[in-house]
């Protein structure tokens, strides 16, 4: 991982660790506000993840690394099964 990416990711990780240690000291309003804020951050994080997947797709990393598809690359990297791609069991998703 390059320094340009490592530093922000480490900062995010430290922030989450710090938040976790403060939870017991929050009042009820603080807990509910934190819940809302963390959900918003979770969605923002997912958006960045999709940007990273799109970047990998655009660069053809999966094919170059022998995975065939970006879905296959992501599945292997995140240790996902075909069921993870098709959680409702409709059979519409495929992992190469």
N, C-alpha and C. Protein backbone atom coordinates (compact mmCIF):
# COMPACT_ATOMS: atom_id res chain seq x y z
N UNK A 1 0.84 -1.17 0.00
CA UNK A 1 0.00 0.00 0.00
C UNK A 1 0.89 1.24 0.00
N UNK A 2 0.55 2.18 -0.81
CA UNK A 2 1.35 3.39 -0.88
C UNK A 2 1.07 4.29 0.32
N UNK A 3 2.02 5.16 0.62
CA UNK A 3 1.87 6.08 1.74
C UNK A 3 0.63 6.95 1.56
N UNK A 4 0.36 7.36 0.33
CA UNK A 4 -0.80 8.22 0.07
C UNK A 4 -2.11 7.58 0.51
N UNK A 5 -2.20 6.27 0.45
CA UNK A 5 -3.41 5.55 0.87
C UNK A 5 -3.28 5.07 2.31
N UNK A 6 -2.12 4.62 2.69
CA UNK A 6 -1.91 4.05 4.02
C UNK A 6 -2.25 5.05 5.12
N UNK A 7 -1.83 6.30 4.99
CA UNK A 7 -2.06 7.30 6.04
C UNK A 7 -3.55 7.55 6.29
N UNK A 8 -4.35 7.83 5.27
CA UNK A 8 -5.79 8.04 5.54
C UNK A 8 -6.48 6.78 6.09
N UNK A 9 -6.10 5.61 5.61
CA UNK A 9 -6.71 4.38 6.11
C UNK A 9 -6.33 4.17 7.58
N UNK A 10 -5.08 4.42 7.93
CA UNK A 10 -4.65 4.30 9.33
C UNK A 10 -5.38 5.32 10.20
N UNK A 11 -5.58 6.51 9.69
CA UNK A 11 -6.30 7.54 10.44
C UNK A 11 -7.74 7.11 10.68
N UNK A 12 -8.38 6.55 9.66
CA UNK A 12 -9.75 6.06 9.82
C UNK A 12 -9.80 4.97 10.88
N UNK A 13 -8.86 4.06 10.84
CA UNK A 13 -8.83 2.95 11.78
C UNK A 13 -8.64 3.46 13.21
N UNK A 14 -7.71 4.40 13.40
CA UNK A 14 -7.49 4.97 14.73
C UNK A 14 -8.74 5.69 15.23
N UNK A 15 -9.40 6.41 14.34
CA UNK A 15 -10.62 7.12 14.71
C UNK A 15 -11.71 6.16 15.19
N UNK A 16 -11.85 5.05 14.50
CA UNK A 16 -12.85 4.05 14.92
C UNK A 16 -12.47 3.43 16.26
N UNK A 17 -11.20 3.16 16.45
CA UNK A 17 -10.74 2.63 17.74
C UNK A 17 -11.03 3.62 18.86
N UNK A 18 -10.73 4.90 18.60
CA UNK A 18 -10.98 5.95 19.60
C UNK A 18 -12.48 6.04 19.92
N UNK A 19 -13.30 5.99 18.89
CA UNK A 19 -14.75 6.06 19.08
C UNK A 19 -15.22 4.90 19.95
N UNK A 20 -14.74 3.72 19.64
CA UNK A 20 -15.15 2.53 20.39
C UNK A 20 -14.86 2.68 21.88
N UNK A 21 -13.74 3.29 22.21
CA UNK A 21 -13.38 3.44 23.63
C UNK A 21 -14.21 4.49 24.34
N UNK A 22 -14.87 5.39 23.59
CA UNK A 22 -15.66 6.45 24.23
C UNK A 22 -17.13 6.10 24.37
N UNK A 23 -17.59 5.02 23.76
CA UNK A 23 -19.02 4.70 23.74
C UNK A 23 -19.64 4.63 25.12
N UNK A 24 -18.99 3.98 26.06
CA UNK A 24 -19.58 3.80 27.39
C UNK A 24 -19.76 5.12 28.13
N UNK A 25 -19.04 6.16 27.72
CA UNK A 25 -19.14 7.45 28.37
C UNK A 25 -20.19 8.37 27.76
N UNK A 26 -20.85 7.93 26.71
CA UNK A 26 -21.86 8.76 26.05
C UNK A 26 -23.20 8.67 26.77
N UNK A 27 -23.95 9.78 26.78
CA UNK A 27 -25.33 9.72 27.27
C UNK A 27 -26.20 9.15 26.14
N UNK A 28 -27.47 8.96 26.42
CA UNK A 28 -28.37 8.35 25.43
C UNK A 28 -28.40 9.15 24.13
N UNK A 29 -28.45 10.47 24.23
CA UNK A 29 -28.48 11.30 23.02
C UNK A 29 -27.18 11.12 22.24
N UNK A 30 -26.05 11.05 22.94
CA UNK A 30 -24.76 10.83 22.29
C UNK A 30 -24.70 9.50 21.56
N UNK A 31 -25.31 8.47 22.16
CA UNK A 31 -25.33 7.15 21.51
C UNK A 31 -26.15 7.20 20.23
N UNK A 32 -27.34 7.82 20.30
CA UNK A 32 -28.18 7.85 19.09
C UNK A 32 -27.58 8.74 18.01
N UNK A 33 -26.96 9.85 18.41
CA UNK A 33 -26.29 10.70 17.42
C UNK A 33 -25.11 9.97 16.79
N UNK A 34 -24.38 9.24 17.61
CA UNK A 34 -23.24 8.48 17.09
C UNK A 34 -23.71 7.39 16.14
N UNK A 35 -24.80 6.75 16.47
CA UNK A 35 -25.37 5.72 15.59
C UNK A 35 -25.70 6.31 14.22
N UNK A 36 -26.34 7.48 14.22
CA UNK A 36 -26.68 8.14 12.96
C UNK A 36 -25.42 8.54 12.19
N UNK A 37 -24.45 9.12 12.91
CA UNK A 37 -23.22 9.56 12.26
C UNK A 37 -22.43 8.39 11.68
N UNK A 38 -22.37 7.30 12.42
CA UNK A 38 -21.62 6.12 11.94
C UNK A 38 -22.30 5.52 10.72
N UNK A 39 -23.62 5.52 10.69
CA UNK A 39 -24.32 5.02 9.50
C UNK A 39 -23.98 5.88 8.28
N UNK A 40 -23.95 7.18 8.45
CA UNK A 40 -23.59 8.06 7.34
C UNK A 40 -22.16 7.79 6.89
N UNK A 41 -21.26 7.60 7.84
CA UNK A 41 -19.86 7.29 7.48
C UNK A 41 -19.75 5.92 6.82
N UNK A 42 -20.56 4.98 7.26
CA UNK A 42 -20.56 3.66 6.64
C UNK A 42 -20.95 3.75 5.17
N UNK A 43 -21.96 4.56 4.88
CA UNK A 43 -22.38 4.74 3.49
C UNK A 43 -21.30 5.45 2.67
N UNK A 44 -20.64 6.42 3.28
CA UNK A 44 -19.55 7.11 2.58
C UNK A 44 -18.40 6.15 2.31
N UNK A 45 -18.10 5.29 3.29
CA UNK A 45 -17.04 4.30 3.13
C UNK A 45 -17.39 3.34 2.00
N UNK A 46 -18.63 2.90 1.95
CA UNK A 46 -19.07 2.01 0.88
C UNK A 46 -18.94 2.68 -0.47
N UNK A 47 -19.23 3.97 -0.53
CA UNK A 47 -19.08 4.72 -1.78
C UNK A 47 -17.63 4.73 -2.24
N UNK A 48 -16.71 4.94 -1.30
CA UNK A 48 -15.28 4.92 -1.64
C UNK A 48 -14.89 3.52 -2.11
N UNK A 49 -15.42 2.49 -1.45
CA UNK A 49 -15.12 1.11 -1.86
C UNK A 49 -15.56 0.88 -3.30
N UNK A 50 -16.71 1.39 -3.66
CA UNK A 50 -17.17 1.26 -5.04
C UNK A 50 -16.27 2.01 -6.01
N UNK A 51 -15.77 3.16 -5.59
CA UNK A 51 -14.80 3.90 -6.41
C UNK A 51 -13.53 3.08 -6.63
N UNK A 52 -13.07 2.41 -5.58
CA UNK A 52 -11.86 1.58 -5.68
C UNK A 52 -12.11 0.39 -6.61
N UNK A 53 -13.27 -0.23 -6.48
CA UNK A 53 -13.61 -1.35 -7.37
C UNK A 53 -13.68 -0.87 -8.82
N UNK A 54 -14.28 0.29 -9.05
CA UNK A 54 -14.34 0.84 -10.41
C UNK A 54 -12.94 1.13 -10.94
N UNK A 55 -12.07 1.62 -10.09
CA UNK A 55 -10.68 1.88 -10.51
C UNK A 55 -9.98 0.58 -10.89
N UNK A 56 -10.18 -0.45 -10.09
CA UNK A 56 -9.59 -1.76 -10.40
C UNK A 56 -10.14 -2.29 -11.73
N UNK A 57 -11.44 -2.13 -11.93
CA UNK A 57 -12.07 -2.56 -13.19
C UNK A 57 -11.50 -1.80 -14.37
N UNK A 58 -11.40 -0.50 -14.24
CA UNK A 58 -10.88 0.34 -15.31
C UNK A 58 -9.45 0.02 -15.69
N UNK A 59 -8.68 -0.38 -14.70
CA UNK A 59 -7.27 -0.71 -14.96
C UNK A 59 -7.07 -2.15 -15.43
N UNK A 60 -8.11 -2.96 -15.39
CA UNK A 60 -7.99 -4.35 -15.81
C UNK A 60 -7.14 -5.20 -14.87
N UNK A 61 -7.12 -4.84 -13.61
CA UNK A 61 -6.27 -5.55 -12.64
C UNK A 61 -6.67 -7.01 -12.50
N UNK A 62 -7.97 -7.28 -12.46
CA UNK A 62 -8.44 -8.66 -12.26
C UNK A 62 -7.94 -9.58 -13.37
N UNK A 63 -8.09 -9.16 -14.61
CA UNK A 63 -7.65 -9.98 -15.74
C UNK A 63 -6.14 -10.16 -15.70
N UNK A 64 -5.43 -9.09 -15.44
CA UNK A 64 -3.96 -9.16 -15.38
C UNK A 64 -3.48 -10.08 -14.28
N UNK A 65 -4.23 -10.16 -13.18
CA UNK A 65 -3.83 -11.00 -12.05
C UNK A 65 -4.41 -12.41 -12.14
N UNK A 66 -5.14 -12.70 -13.22
CA UNK A 66 -5.63 -14.05 -13.46
C UNK A 66 -6.97 -14.39 -12.82
N UNK A 67 -7.76 -13.39 -12.47
CA UNK A 67 -9.05 -13.66 -11.85
C UNK A 67 -10.20 -13.68 -12.84
N UNK A 68 -9.99 -13.22 -14.04
CA UNK A 68 -11.03 -13.23 -15.06
C UNK A 68 -11.96 -12.03 -14.98
N UNK A 69 -12.51 -11.77 -13.81
CA UNK A 69 -13.42 -10.64 -13.64
C UNK A 69 -13.06 -9.89 -12.35
N UNK A 70 -13.52 -8.65 -12.30
CA UNK A 70 -13.31 -7.88 -11.08
C UNK A 70 -14.10 -8.50 -9.92
N UNK A 71 -15.29 -9.02 -10.20
CA UNK A 71 -16.06 -9.70 -9.15
C UNK A 71 -15.28 -10.87 -8.58
N UNK A 72 -14.60 -11.61 -9.44
CA UNK A 72 -13.78 -12.73 -8.97
C UNK A 72 -12.62 -12.26 -8.11
N UNK A 73 -11.98 -11.16 -8.52
CA UNK A 73 -10.89 -10.59 -7.74
C UNK A 73 -11.37 -10.16 -6.36
N UNK A 74 -12.48 -9.42 -6.32
CA UNK A 74 -13.02 -8.94 -5.05
C UNK A 74 -13.43 -10.13 -4.17
N UNK A 75 -14.08 -11.10 -4.76
CA UNK A 75 -14.50 -12.28 -4.00
C UNK A 75 -13.30 -12.98 -3.37
N UNK A 76 -12.24 -13.14 -4.12
CA UNK A 76 -11.05 -13.81 -3.60
C UNK A 76 -10.37 -12.97 -2.52
N UNK A 77 -10.25 -11.68 -2.75
CA UNK A 77 -9.58 -10.81 -1.78
C UNK A 77 -10.36 -10.72 -0.47
N UNK A 78 -11.68 -10.70 -0.55
CA UNK A 78 -12.51 -10.54 0.64
C UNK A 78 -13.04 -11.87 1.17
N UNK A 79 -12.60 -12.96 0.54
CA UNK A 79 -13.00 -14.32 0.95
C UNK A 79 -14.53 -14.47 0.92
N UNK A 80 -15.13 -14.03 -0.18
CA UNK A 80 -16.57 -14.12 -0.35
C UNK A 80 -16.94 -15.38 -1.11
N UNK A 81 -18.11 -15.90 -0.83
CA UNK A 81 -18.62 -17.05 -1.56
C UNK A 81 -19.68 -16.59 -2.54
N UNK A 82 -20.13 -17.48 -3.40
CA UNK A 82 -21.20 -17.15 -4.35
C UNK A 82 -22.45 -16.74 -3.58
N UNK A 83 -22.69 -17.34 -2.43
CA UNK A 83 -23.86 -16.99 -1.62
C UNK A 83 -23.79 -15.53 -1.15
N UNK A 84 -22.59 -15.03 -0.87
CA UNK A 84 -22.45 -13.63 -0.46
C UNK A 84 -22.89 -12.68 -1.56
N UNK A 85 -22.76 -13.10 -2.80
CA UNK A 85 -23.17 -12.28 -3.93
C UNK A 85 -24.66 -12.43 -4.23
N UNK A 86 -25.29 -13.44 -3.66
CA UNK A 86 -26.69 -13.73 -3.92
C UNK A 86 -27.38 -14.04 -2.60
N UNK A 87 -27.48 -13.06 -1.70
CA UNK A 87 -27.98 -13.33 -0.36
C UNK A 87 -29.44 -13.75 -0.30
N UNK A 88 -30.25 -13.42 -1.28
CA UNK A 88 -31.66 -13.82 -1.25
C UNK A 88 -31.90 -15.13 -1.97
N UNK A 89 -30.87 -15.72 -2.52
CA UNK A 89 -30.99 -17.03 -3.14
C UNK A 89 -31.69 -17.05 -4.46
N UNK A 90 -31.67 -15.95 -5.20
CA UNK A 90 -32.39 -15.91 -6.48
C UNK A 90 -31.53 -16.42 -7.64
N UNK A 91 -30.25 -16.66 -7.39
CA UNK A 91 -29.41 -17.23 -8.42
C UNK A 91 -28.99 -16.28 -9.50
N UNK A 92 -29.20 -14.98 -9.29
CA UNK A 92 -28.90 -14.03 -10.35
C UNK A 92 -27.47 -13.56 -10.38
N UNK A 93 -26.72 -13.81 -9.31
CA UNK A 93 -25.34 -13.36 -9.26
C UNK A 93 -24.39 -14.52 -9.47
N UNK A 94 -23.21 -14.20 -10.01
CA UNK A 94 -22.25 -15.24 -10.32
C UNK A 94 -20.86 -14.75 -9.94
N UNK A 95 -20.09 -15.63 -9.33
CA UNK A 95 -18.71 -15.31 -9.01
C UNK A 95 -17.83 -16.23 -9.83
N UNK A 96 -16.98 -15.64 -10.64
CA UNK A 96 -16.06 -16.46 -11.45
C UNK A 96 -14.88 -16.89 -10.64
